[in-house]
Amino acid sequence: MPGLLVIGAVYYFFIRYFKKGNTFFIILFFLLTAFFVLKASTIHRTGDQSVNTQFHYLLSGIIIITGIGAFFLIPFLFRNKKFEEYVL
């Protein structure tokens, strides 16, 4: 996923240039995830209400999964020594 690669670069920027970069990053991406889920519910894709509702659920799910990867998994894997040893 190229999106998580970019988010990882943003995470590196935060921890490199801010004193509490890890905390700022987690808060920022948690808020961005919540904002984008709310915005996804207002998208009007088609005239069929059933298709619109299904689209809102699917898009919200994708945003939530990516958000969890951003504000939980990236900081966790960055600090995990076993991940560094066995995967990298």
N, C-alpha and C. Protein backbone atom coordinates (compact mmCIF):
# COMPACT_ATOMS: atom_id res chain seq x y z
N MET A 1 0.84 -1.19 0.00
CA MET A 1 0.00 0.00 0.00
C MET A 1 0.88 1.24 0.00
N PRO A 2 0.85 2.01 -1.04
CA PRO A 2 1.66 3.24 -1.06
C PRO A 2 1.19 4.27 -0.04
N GLY A 3 -0.09 4.24 0.34
CA GLY A 3 -0.60 5.19 1.33
C GLY A 3 0.07 5.03 2.68
N LEU A 4 0.23 3.78 3.12
CA LEU A 4 0.88 3.55 4.40
C LEU A 4 2.37 3.87 4.33
N LEU A 5 2.97 3.76 3.15
CA LEU A 5 4.36 4.14 2.99
C LEU A 5 4.53 5.65 3.21
N VAL A 6 3.61 6.42 2.66
CA VAL A 6 3.64 7.88 2.85
C VAL A 6 3.37 8.22 4.31
N ILE A 7 2.43 7.53 4.93
CA ILE A 7 2.13 7.77 6.35
C ILE A 7 3.35 7.43 7.20
N GLY A 8 4.07 6.38 6.83
CA GLY A 8 5.31 6.04 7.53
C GLY A 8 6.35 7.12 7.41
N ALA A 9 6.45 7.75 6.25
CA ALA A 9 7.39 8.87 6.07
C ALA A 9 6.97 10.06 6.93
N VAL A 10 5.68 10.30 7.02
CA VAL A 10 5.18 11.38 7.88
C VAL A 10 5.50 11.07 9.34
N TYR A 11 5.35 9.81 9.73
CA TYR A 11 5.67 9.41 11.10
C TYR A 11 7.15 9.66 11.40
N TYR A 12 8.01 9.30 10.47
CA TYR A 12 9.44 9.53 10.66
C TYR A 12 9.72 11.02 10.81
N PHE A 13 9.06 11.85 10.01
CA PHE A 13 9.23 13.31 10.12
C PHE A 13 8.82 13.79 11.51
N PHE A 14 7.69 13.29 12.01
CA PHE A 14 7.20 13.71 13.32
C PHE A 14 8.16 13.33 14.43
N ILE A 15 8.64 12.08 14.44
CA ILE A 15 9.51 11.68 15.54
C ILE A 15 10.90 12.29 15.42
N ARG A 16 11.26 12.69 14.23
CA ARG A 16 12.59 13.27 14.03
C ARG A 16 12.63 14.75 14.43
N TYR A 17 11.58 15.50 14.14
CA TYR A 17 11.61 16.96 14.30
C TYR A 17 10.75 17.51 15.44
N PHE A 18 9.99 16.68 16.11
CA PHE A 18 9.19 17.14 17.25
C PHE A 18 9.57 16.35 18.49
N LYS A 19 9.57 17.03 19.61
CA LYS A 19 9.97 16.39 20.87
C LYS A 19 9.01 15.27 21.25
N LYS A 20 7.73 15.51 21.19
CA LYS A 20 6.69 14.50 21.46
C LYS A 20 6.02 14.10 20.15
N GLY A 21 6.83 13.80 19.16
CA GLY A 21 6.32 13.51 17.82
C GLY A 21 5.42 12.29 17.76
N ASN A 22 5.72 11.26 18.54
CA ASN A 22 4.90 10.06 18.55
C ASN A 22 3.48 10.38 19.01
N THR A 23 3.35 11.14 20.08
CA THR A 23 2.03 11.51 20.59
C THR A 23 1.28 12.40 19.62
N PHE A 24 1.96 13.39 19.05
CA PHE A 24 1.33 14.28 18.06
C PHE A 24 0.85 13.49 16.85
N PHE A 25 1.65 12.55 16.39
CA PHE A 25 1.29 11.74 15.24
C PHE A 25 0.04 10.92 15.51
N ILE A 26 -0.01 10.26 16.66
CA ILE A 26 -1.17 9.43 16.99
C ILE A 26 -2.43 10.27 17.10
N ILE A 27 -2.34 11.41 17.76
CA ILE A 27 -3.50 12.29 17.89
C ILE A 27 -3.94 12.82 16.55
N LEU A 28 -2.97 13.26 15.73
CA LEU A 28 -3.30 13.81 14.41
C LEU A 28 -4.00 12.77 13.54
N PHE A 29 -3.47 11.58 13.47
CA PHE A 29 -4.08 10.58 12.59
C PHE A 29 -5.37 10.00 13.15
N PHE A 30 -5.53 10.00 14.46
CA PHE A 30 -6.82 9.62 15.03
C PHE A 30 -7.88 10.64 14.64
N LEU A 31 -7.55 11.92 14.75
CA LEU A 31 -8.50 12.98 14.37
C LEU A 31 -8.77 12.98 12.87
N LEU A 32 -7.74 12.76 12.06
CA LEU A 32 -7.94 12.69 10.61
C LEU A 32 -8.83 11.51 10.23
N THR A 33 -8.64 10.38 10.88
CA THR A 33 -9.48 9.22 10.61
C THR A 33 -10.94 9.52 10.95
N ALA A 34 -11.18 10.10 12.11
CA ALA A 34 -12.55 10.45 12.50
C ALA A 34 -13.15 11.46 11.54
N PHE A 35 -12.37 12.46 11.13
CA PHE A 35 -12.85 13.47 10.18
C PHE A 35 -13.22 12.85 8.85
N PHE A 36 -12.37 11.97 8.32
CA PHE A 36 -12.64 11.37 7.02
C PHE A 36 -13.81 10.39 7.07
N VAL A 37 -14.01 9.73 8.19
CA VAL A 37 -15.19 8.85 8.32
C VAL A 37 -16.45 9.70 8.30
N LEU A 38 -16.44 10.83 8.99
CA LEU A 38 -17.60 11.72 8.97
C LEU A 38 -17.85 12.29 7.57
N LYS A 39 -16.78 12.66 6.88
CA LYS A 39 -16.93 13.19 5.53
C LYS A 39 -17.40 12.12 4.55
N ALA A 40 -17.00 10.88 4.77
CA ALA A 40 -17.42 9.79 3.87
C ALA A 40 -18.92 9.57 3.94
N SER A 41 -19.53 9.87 5.06
CA SER A 41 -20.97 9.66 5.19
C SER A 41 -21.78 10.73 4.45
N THR A 42 -21.13 11.80 4.00
CA THR A 42 -21.86 12.86 3.29
C THR A 42 -21.71 12.77 1.78
N ILE A 43 -20.94 11.80 1.29
CA ILE A 43 -20.72 11.68 -0.15
C ILE A 43 -22.00 11.18 -0.81
N HIS A 44 -22.37 11.82 -1.91
CA HIS A 44 -23.54 11.42 -2.68
C HIS A 44 -23.03 10.89 -4.01
N ARG A 45 -22.96 9.57 -4.12
CA ARG A 45 -22.35 8.94 -5.30
C ARG A 45 -23.35 8.68 -6.40
N THR A 46 -24.54 8.29 -6.07
CA THR A 46 -25.55 7.94 -7.07
C THR A 46 -26.94 8.29 -6.55
N GLY A 47 -27.91 8.20 -7.41
CA GLY A 47 -29.28 8.51 -7.02
C GLY A 47 -29.96 7.40 -6.24
N ASP A 48 -29.43 6.21 -6.29
CA ASP A 48 -30.00 5.06 -5.58
C ASP A 48 -29.53 5.08 -4.13
N GLN A 49 -30.47 5.21 -3.20
CA GLN A 49 -30.14 5.32 -1.78
C GLN A 49 -29.46 4.07 -1.24
N SER A 50 -29.89 2.91 -1.72
CA SER A 50 -29.29 1.65 -1.28
C SER A 50 -27.81 1.58 -1.66
N VAL A 51 -27.48 1.95 -2.87
CA VAL A 51 -26.09 1.93 -3.33
C VAL A 51 -25.27 2.97 -2.56
N ASN A 52 -25.87 4.12 -2.30
CA ASN A 52 -25.17 5.16 -1.51
C ASN A 52 -24.84 4.65 -0.11
N THR A 53 -25.79 4.01 0.53
CA THR A 53 -25.57 3.49 1.89
C THR A 53 -24.48 2.43 1.89
N GLN A 54 -24.51 1.52 0.94
CA GLN A 54 -23.48 0.49 0.85
C GLN A 54 -22.11 1.12 0.60
N PHE A 55 -22.06 2.13 -0.26
CA PHE A 55 -20.80 2.82 -0.53
C PHE A 55 -20.26 3.50 0.72
N HIS A 56 -21.13 4.12 1.50
CA HIS A 56 -20.70 4.79 2.73
C HIS A 56 -20.08 3.79 3.70
N TYR A 57 -20.71 2.62 3.86
CA TYR A 57 -20.17 1.59 4.75
C TYR A 57 -18.82 1.08 4.27
N LEU A 58 -18.71 0.80 2.98
CA LEU A 58 -17.45 0.28 2.45
C LEU A 58 -16.33 1.30 2.57
N LEU A 59 -16.60 2.54 2.20
CA LEU A 59 -15.58 3.58 2.28
C LEU A 59 -15.19 3.86 3.72
N SER A 60 -16.16 3.87 4.61
CA SER A 60 -15.84 4.08 6.03
C SER A 60 -14.97 2.95 6.57
N GLY A 61 -15.25 1.72 6.16
CA GLY A 61 -14.42 0.59 6.58
C GLY A 61 -12.99 0.70 6.10
N ILE A 62 -12.81 1.11 4.86
CA ILE A 62 -11.46 1.28 4.33
C ILE A 62 -10.72 2.38 5.08
N ILE A 63 -11.40 3.47 5.36
CA ILE A 63 -10.78 4.58 6.09
C ILE A 63 -10.41 4.16 7.51
N ILE A 64 -11.28 3.41 8.17
CA ILE A 64 -11.00 2.97 9.54
C ILE A 64 -9.82 2.01 9.57
N ILE A 65 -9.77 1.07 8.63
CA ILE A 65 -8.66 0.12 8.59
C ILE A 65 -7.34 0.83 8.32
N THR A 66 -7.33 1.77 7.40
CA THR A 66 -6.12 2.54 7.12
C THR A 66 -5.75 3.41 8.31
N GLY A 67 -6.74 3.98 8.97
CA GLY A 67 -6.47 4.81 10.16
C GLY A 67 -5.87 4.01 11.30
N ILE A 68 -6.37 2.79 11.52
CA ILE A 68 -5.79 1.93 12.56
C ILE A 68 -4.35 1.60 12.21
N GLY A 69 -4.11 1.33 10.93
CA GLY A 69 -2.74 1.08 10.50
C GLY A 69 -1.84 2.27 10.72
N ALA A 70 -2.42 3.46 10.56
CA ALA A 70 -1.62 4.68 10.70
C ALA A 70 -1.34 5.01 12.16
N PHE A 71 -2.37 5.09 12.99
CA PHE A 71 -2.12 5.60 14.35
C PHE A 71 -1.83 4.52 15.37
N PHE A 72 -1.91 3.25 14.98
CA PHE A 72 -1.57 2.20 15.93
C PHE A 72 -0.41 1.33 15.44
N LEU A 73 -0.54 0.77 14.24
CA LEU A 73 0.46 -0.20 13.78
C LEU A 73 1.80 0.40 13.43
N ILE A 74 1.83 1.54 12.79
CA ILE A 74 3.12 2.13 12.40
C ILE A 74 3.96 2.48 13.62
N PRO A 75 3.43 3.18 14.64
CA PRO A 75 4.25 3.41 15.82
C PRO A 75 4.63 2.13 16.55
N PHE A 76 3.73 1.15 16.60
CA PHE A 76 4.03 -0.11 17.27
C PHE A 76 5.16 -0.86 16.56
N LEU A 77 5.08 -0.97 15.26
CA LEU A 77 6.11 -1.70 14.52
C LEU A 77 7.43 -0.95 14.48
N PHE A 78 7.39 0.36 14.55
CA PHE A 78 8.62 1.14 14.56
C PHE A 78 9.42 0.88 15.82
N ARG A 79 8.74 0.67 16.94
CA ARG A 79 9.42 0.46 18.22
C ARG A 79 9.67 -1.03 18.52
N ASN A 80 9.15 -1.93 17.72
CA ASN A 80 9.24 -3.36 17.99
C ASN A 80 10.58 -3.91 17.51
N LYS A 81 11.39 -4.40 18.42
CA LYS A 81 12.72 -4.92 18.09
C LYS A 81 12.65 -6.25 17.34
N LYS A 82 11.68 -7.10 17.68
CA LYS A 82 11.55 -8.38 16.98
C LYS A 82 11.18 -8.17 15.52
N PHE A 83 10.30 -7.19 15.24
CA PHE A 83 9.97 -6.87 13.86
C PHE A 83 11.20 -6.42 13.09
N GLU A 84 12.00 -5.59 13.73
CA GLU A 84 13.22 -5.10 13.10
C GLU A 84 14.20 -6.26 12.85
N GLU A 85 14.30 -7.17 13.81
CA GLU A 85 15.26 -8.26 13.71
C GLU A 85 14.85 -9.29 12.66
N TYR A 86 13.59 -9.70 12.65
CA TYR A 86 13.17 -10.79 11.81
C TYR A 86 12.61 -10.38 10.45
N VAL A 87 12.09 -9.18 10.32
CA VAL A 87 11.49 -8.76 9.06
C VAL A 87 12.42 -7.85 8.28
N LEU A 88 13.00 -6.88 8.96
CA LEU A 88 13.88 -5.95 8.26
C LEU A 88 15.26 -6.54 8.25
